[in-house]
N, C-alpha and C. Protein backbone atom coordinates (compact mmCIF):
# COMPACT_ATOMS: atom_id res chain seq x y z
N UNK A 1 -88.96 110.83 84.72
CA UNK A 1 -89.17 109.80 85.55
C UNK A 1 -90.29 110.10 86.60
N UNK A 2 -91.17 109.27 86.79
CA UNK A 2 -92.32 109.64 87.85
C UNK A 2 -91.87 109.58 89.20
N UNK A 3 -92.69 110.06 90.13
CA UNK A 3 -92.32 110.04 91.51
C UNK A 3 -92.17 108.61 91.95
N UNK A 4 -93.12 107.72 91.58
CA UNK A 4 -93.04 106.25 91.97
C UNK A 4 -91.92 105.58 91.34
N UNK A 5 -91.52 105.94 90.20
CA UNK A 5 -90.21 105.49 89.67
C UNK A 5 -88.90 105.95 90.38
N UNK A 6 -88.97 107.12 90.67
CA UNK A 6 -87.83 107.56 91.66
C UNK A 6 -87.78 106.94 92.88
N UNK A 7 -89.02 106.69 93.54
CA UNK A 7 -89.07 106.10 94.86
C UNK A 7 -88.54 104.58 94.85
N UNK A 8 -88.54 103.93 93.73
CA UNK A 8 -88.06 102.70 93.63
C UNK A 8 -86.55 102.61 93.79
N UNK A 9 -85.81 103.64 93.35
CA UNK A 9 -84.49 103.74 93.63
C UNK A 9 -84.20 103.83 95.17
N UNK A 10 -83.30 103.01 95.69
CA UNK A 10 -83.02 102.94 97.04
C UNK A 10 -82.42 104.11 97.65
N UNK A 11 -83.04 104.77 98.72
CA UNK A 11 -82.30 105.90 99.37
C UNK A 11 -81.40 105.05 100.34
N UNK A 12 -80.12 105.41 100.57
CA UNK A 12 -79.27 104.61 101.32
C UNK A 12 -79.38 104.67 102.82
N UNK A 13 -80.33 105.49 103.22
CA UNK A 13 -80.59 105.67 104.73
C UNK A 13 -81.93 105.09 105.11
N UNK A 14 -82.02 104.47 106.23
CA UNK A 14 -83.25 103.90 106.56
C UNK A 14 -84.15 105.02 107.24
N UNK A 15 -83.50 105.90 107.83
CA UNK A 15 -84.23 106.90 108.61
C UNK A 15 -83.66 108.38 108.11
N UNK A 16 -84.48 109.41 108.03
CA UNK A 16 -83.84 110.64 107.81
C UNK A 16 -84.11 111.54 108.97
N UNK A 17 -83.16 111.61 109.98
CA UNK A 17 -83.26 112.36 111.17
C UNK A 17 -82.53 113.72 111.03
N UNK A 18 -81.56 113.76 110.18
CA UNK A 18 -80.88 115.05 110.10
C UNK A 18 -80.15 115.06 108.62
N UNK A 19 -79.96 116.32 108.20
CA UNK A 19 -79.40 116.31 106.73
C UNK A 19 -77.92 116.61 106.80
N UNK A 20 -77.33 116.59 107.97
CA UNK A 20 -75.91 116.90 108.15
C UNK A 20 -74.89 116.02 107.37
N UNK A 21 -75.19 114.65 107.37
CA UNK A 21 -74.41 113.60 106.78
C UNK A 21 -74.78 113.29 105.34
N UNK A 22 -75.74 113.98 104.76
CA UNK A 22 -76.25 113.72 103.40
C UNK A 22 -75.10 114.16 102.43
N UNK A 23 -74.96 113.27 101.21
CA UNK A 23 -74.12 113.91 100.32
C UNK A 23 -74.88 114.67 99.29
N UNK A 24 -74.20 115.52 98.46
CA UNK A 24 -74.82 116.34 97.50
C UNK A 24 -75.83 115.61 96.63
N UNK A 25 -75.42 114.29 96.06
CA UNK A 25 -76.36 113.51 95.16
C UNK A 25 -77.61 113.12 96.13
N UNK A 26 -77.43 112.83 97.32
CA UNK A 26 -78.57 112.37 98.14
C UNK A 26 -79.58 113.55 98.30
N UNK A 27 -79.01 114.83 98.59
CA UNK A 27 -79.77 115.81 98.79
C UNK A 27 -80.52 116.19 97.39
N UNK A 28 -79.79 116.15 96.37
CA UNK A 28 -80.46 116.47 95.05
C UNK A 28 -81.61 115.43 94.84
N UNK A 29 -81.30 114.07 95.03
CA UNK A 29 -82.37 113.16 95.01
C UNK A 29 -83.71 113.45 95.71
N UNK A 30 -83.47 113.96 96.95
CA UNK A 30 -84.67 114.23 97.87
C UNK A 30 -85.41 115.48 97.22
N UNK A 31 -84.66 116.58 96.81
CA UNK A 31 -85.20 117.85 96.24
C UNK A 31 -85.99 117.38 94.96
N UNK A 32 -85.49 116.46 94.16
CA UNK A 32 -86.06 116.07 92.90
C UNK A 32 -87.43 115.39 93.24
N UNK A 33 -87.44 114.63 94.32
CA UNK A 33 -88.64 113.91 94.70
C UNK A 33 -89.61 114.84 95.12
N UNK A 34 -89.27 115.87 96.03
CA UNK A 34 -90.09 116.94 96.51
C UNK A 34 -90.70 117.76 95.52
N UNK A 35 -89.91 118.12 94.54
CA UNK A 35 -90.54 118.72 93.29
C UNK A 35 -91.71 117.96 92.58
N UNK A 36 -91.40 116.77 92.36
CA UNK A 36 -92.33 115.76 91.74
C UNK A 36 -93.60 115.69 92.56
N UNK A 37 -93.30 115.71 93.90
CA UNK A 37 -94.57 115.53 94.84
C UNK A 37 -95.34 116.62 94.79
N UNK A 38 -94.75 117.71 94.81
CA UNK A 38 -95.41 119.14 94.88
C UNK A 38 -96.26 119.24 93.56
N UNK A 39 -95.73 118.87 92.56
CA UNK A 39 -96.38 118.99 91.22
C UNK A 39 -97.64 117.88 91.29
N UNK A 40 -97.47 116.76 91.72
CA UNK A 40 -98.62 115.86 91.87
C UNK A 40 -99.59 116.25 92.96
N UNK A 41 -99.19 116.98 93.83
CA UNK A 41 -100.14 117.57 94.84
C UNK A 41 -101.07 118.56 94.10
N UNK A 42 -100.57 119.27 93.25
CA UNK A 42 -101.39 120.29 92.56
C UNK A 42 -102.31 119.61 91.51
N UNK A 43 -102.14 118.37 91.22
CA UNK A 43 -102.84 117.58 90.32
C UNK A 43 -104.29 117.47 90.83
N UNK A 44 -105.39 117.25 89.88
CA UNK A 44 -106.76 116.90 90.31
C UNK A 44 -106.89 115.93 91.39
N UNK A 45 -106.30 114.71 91.23
CA UNK A 45 -106.37 113.80 92.22
C UNK A 45 -105.19 113.86 93.02
N UNK A 46 -105.14 114.43 94.26
CA UNK A 46 -104.07 114.66 95.00
C UNK A 46 -103.63 113.42 95.90
N UNK A 47 -104.44 112.51 96.23
CA UNK A 47 -104.24 111.30 96.83
C UNK A 47 -103.52 110.31 96.09
N UNK A 48 -102.38 109.91 96.72
CA UNK A 48 -101.39 108.89 96.07
C UNK A 48 -101.24 107.76 97.05
N UNK A 49 -100.70 106.73 96.53
CA UNK A 49 -100.55 105.59 97.40
C UNK A 49 -99.05 105.11 97.48
N UNK A 50 -98.18 106.16 97.23
CA UNK A 50 -96.66 105.95 97.32
C UNK A 50 -96.25 105.36 98.58
N UNK A 51 -96.86 105.71 99.62
CA UNK A 51 -96.34 105.26 100.98
C UNK A 51 -97.41 104.16 101.56
N UNK A 52 -98.09 103.51 100.71
CA UNK A 52 -99.13 102.52 101.27
C UNK A 52 -98.35 101.39 101.89
N UNK A 53 -98.77 100.99 103.06
CA UNK A 53 -98.09 99.96 103.80
C UNK A 53 -97.02 100.30 104.58
N UNK A 54 -96.74 101.67 104.52
CA UNK A 54 -95.72 102.20 105.40
C UNK A 54 -96.29 102.93 106.53
N UNK A 55 -95.43 103.09 107.62
CA UNK A 55 -95.91 103.99 108.90
C UNK A 55 -94.97 105.05 109.06
N UNK A 56 -95.64 106.07 109.49
CA UNK A 56 -94.69 107.41 109.76
C UNK A 56 -95.02 107.85 111.07
N UNK A 57 -94.01 108.01 111.83
CA UNK A 57 -94.18 108.57 113.19
C UNK A 57 -93.64 109.98 113.43
N UNK A 58 -94.57 110.87 113.55
CA UNK A 58 -94.29 112.42 113.87
C UNK A 58 -93.89 112.39 115.29
N UNK A 59 -92.61 112.72 115.70
CA UNK A 59 -92.27 113.04 117.07
C UNK A 59 -91.82 114.42 117.23
N UNK A 60 -92.79 115.06 118.04
CA UNK A 60 -92.57 116.59 118.25
C UNK A 60 -92.09 116.77 119.71
N UNK A 61 -90.99 117.55 119.82
CA UNK A 61 -90.48 117.89 121.21
C UNK A 61 -90.95 119.27 121.52
N UNK A 62 -91.59 119.94 120.74
CA UNK A 62 -92.25 121.28 121.10
C UNK A 62 -93.67 121.28 120.60
N UNK A 63 -94.62 121.91 121.14
CA UNK A 63 -95.85 122.07 120.72
C UNK A 63 -95.80 122.81 119.34
N UNK A 64 -96.35 122.14 118.26
CA UNK A 64 -96.55 122.78 116.93
C UNK A 64 -97.65 122.15 116.28
N UNK A 65 -98.87 122.58 116.55
CA UNK A 65 -100.03 122.10 116.15
C UNK A 65 -100.14 122.22 114.51
N UNK A 66 -99.79 123.32 113.86
CA UNK A 66 -99.88 123.38 112.42
C UNK A 66 -98.89 122.58 111.75
N UNK A 67 -97.65 122.49 112.36
CA UNK A 67 -96.63 121.56 111.73
C UNK A 67 -97.18 120.16 111.84
N UNK A 68 -97.71 119.76 112.90
CA UNK A 68 -97.99 118.28 113.26
C UNK A 68 -99.12 118.00 112.24
N UNK A 69 -100.17 118.93 112.16
CA UNK A 69 -101.36 118.53 111.28
C UNK A 69 -100.85 118.64 109.81
N UNK A 70 -99.95 119.48 109.36
CA UNK A 70 -99.53 119.42 107.86
C UNK A 70 -98.61 118.22 107.54
N UNK A 71 -97.90 117.75 108.62
CA UNK A 71 -97.00 116.54 108.31
C UNK A 71 -98.01 115.34 108.23
N UNK A 72 -98.94 115.30 109.18
CA UNK A 72 -99.96 114.14 109.17
C UNK A 72 -100.70 114.14 107.80
N UNK A 73 -101.24 115.34 107.39
CA UNK A 73 -101.96 115.42 106.13
C UNK A 73 -101.18 114.96 105.14
N UNK A 74 -100.05 115.40 105.00
CA UNK A 74 -99.14 114.97 103.75
C UNK A 74 -98.80 113.59 103.74
N UNK A 75 -98.57 112.86 104.84
CA UNK A 75 -98.36 111.52 104.88
C UNK A 75 -99.59 110.79 104.48
N UNK A 76 -100.69 111.25 105.04
CA UNK A 76 -102.00 110.45 104.73
C UNK A 76 -102.32 110.57 103.28
N UNK A 77 -102.05 111.69 102.65
CA UNK A 77 -102.47 111.97 101.27
C UNK A 77 -101.36 110.95 100.36
N UNK A 78 -100.19 110.60 100.99
CA UNK A 78 -99.46 109.57 100.24
C UNK A 78 -99.74 108.09 100.51
N UNK A 79 -100.77 107.81 101.48
CA UNK A 79 -101.23 106.58 101.73
C UNK A 79 -100.44 105.93 103.00
N UNK A 80 -99.88 106.65 103.78
CA UNK A 80 -99.10 106.21 105.01
C UNK A 80 -100.00 106.07 106.13
N UNK A 81 -99.79 105.35 107.16
CA UNK A 81 -100.35 105.20 108.35
C UNK A 81 -99.51 106.14 109.23
N UNK A 82 -100.16 106.89 110.17
CA UNK A 82 -99.59 108.03 110.92
C UNK A 82 -99.81 107.94 112.23
N UNK A 83 -98.85 108.00 113.10
CA UNK A 83 -98.80 108.14 114.56
C UNK A 83 -98.07 109.35 115.11
N UNK A 84 -98.85 110.29 115.71
CA UNK A 84 -98.27 111.48 116.22
C UNK A 84 -97.82 111.20 117.69
N UNK A 85 -96.64 111.52 117.99
CA UNK A 85 -96.20 111.47 119.56
C UNK A 85 -95.76 112.77 119.96
N UNK A 86 -96.41 113.38 120.95
CA UNK A 86 -95.96 114.66 121.56
C UNK A 86 -95.40 114.55 122.77
N UNK A 87 -93.91 114.85 122.80
CA UNK A 87 -93.14 114.77 123.98
C UNK A 87 -93.32 116.08 124.70
N UNK A 88 -93.61 117.09 124.17
CA UNK A 88 -93.67 118.45 124.82
C UNK A 88 -94.84 118.43 125.91
């Protein structure tokens, strides 16, 4: 199944703020998608539109320029609109 095919399956949580309450199948689902996205990232055309029309807010409570930049780049490569908020 392709990444976009897996993404059409509903993840039961609206937001992923912690992994503490995830079930084993939910974690497996997320790891499978991560593997597929890593493979797609290595492809010739790395830009995808999987998150087109979606917004992602990166909220950082500590200064972390590299992490913020990598999260932003990853989301944009998937077609998301990104807003970075630094609380630190």
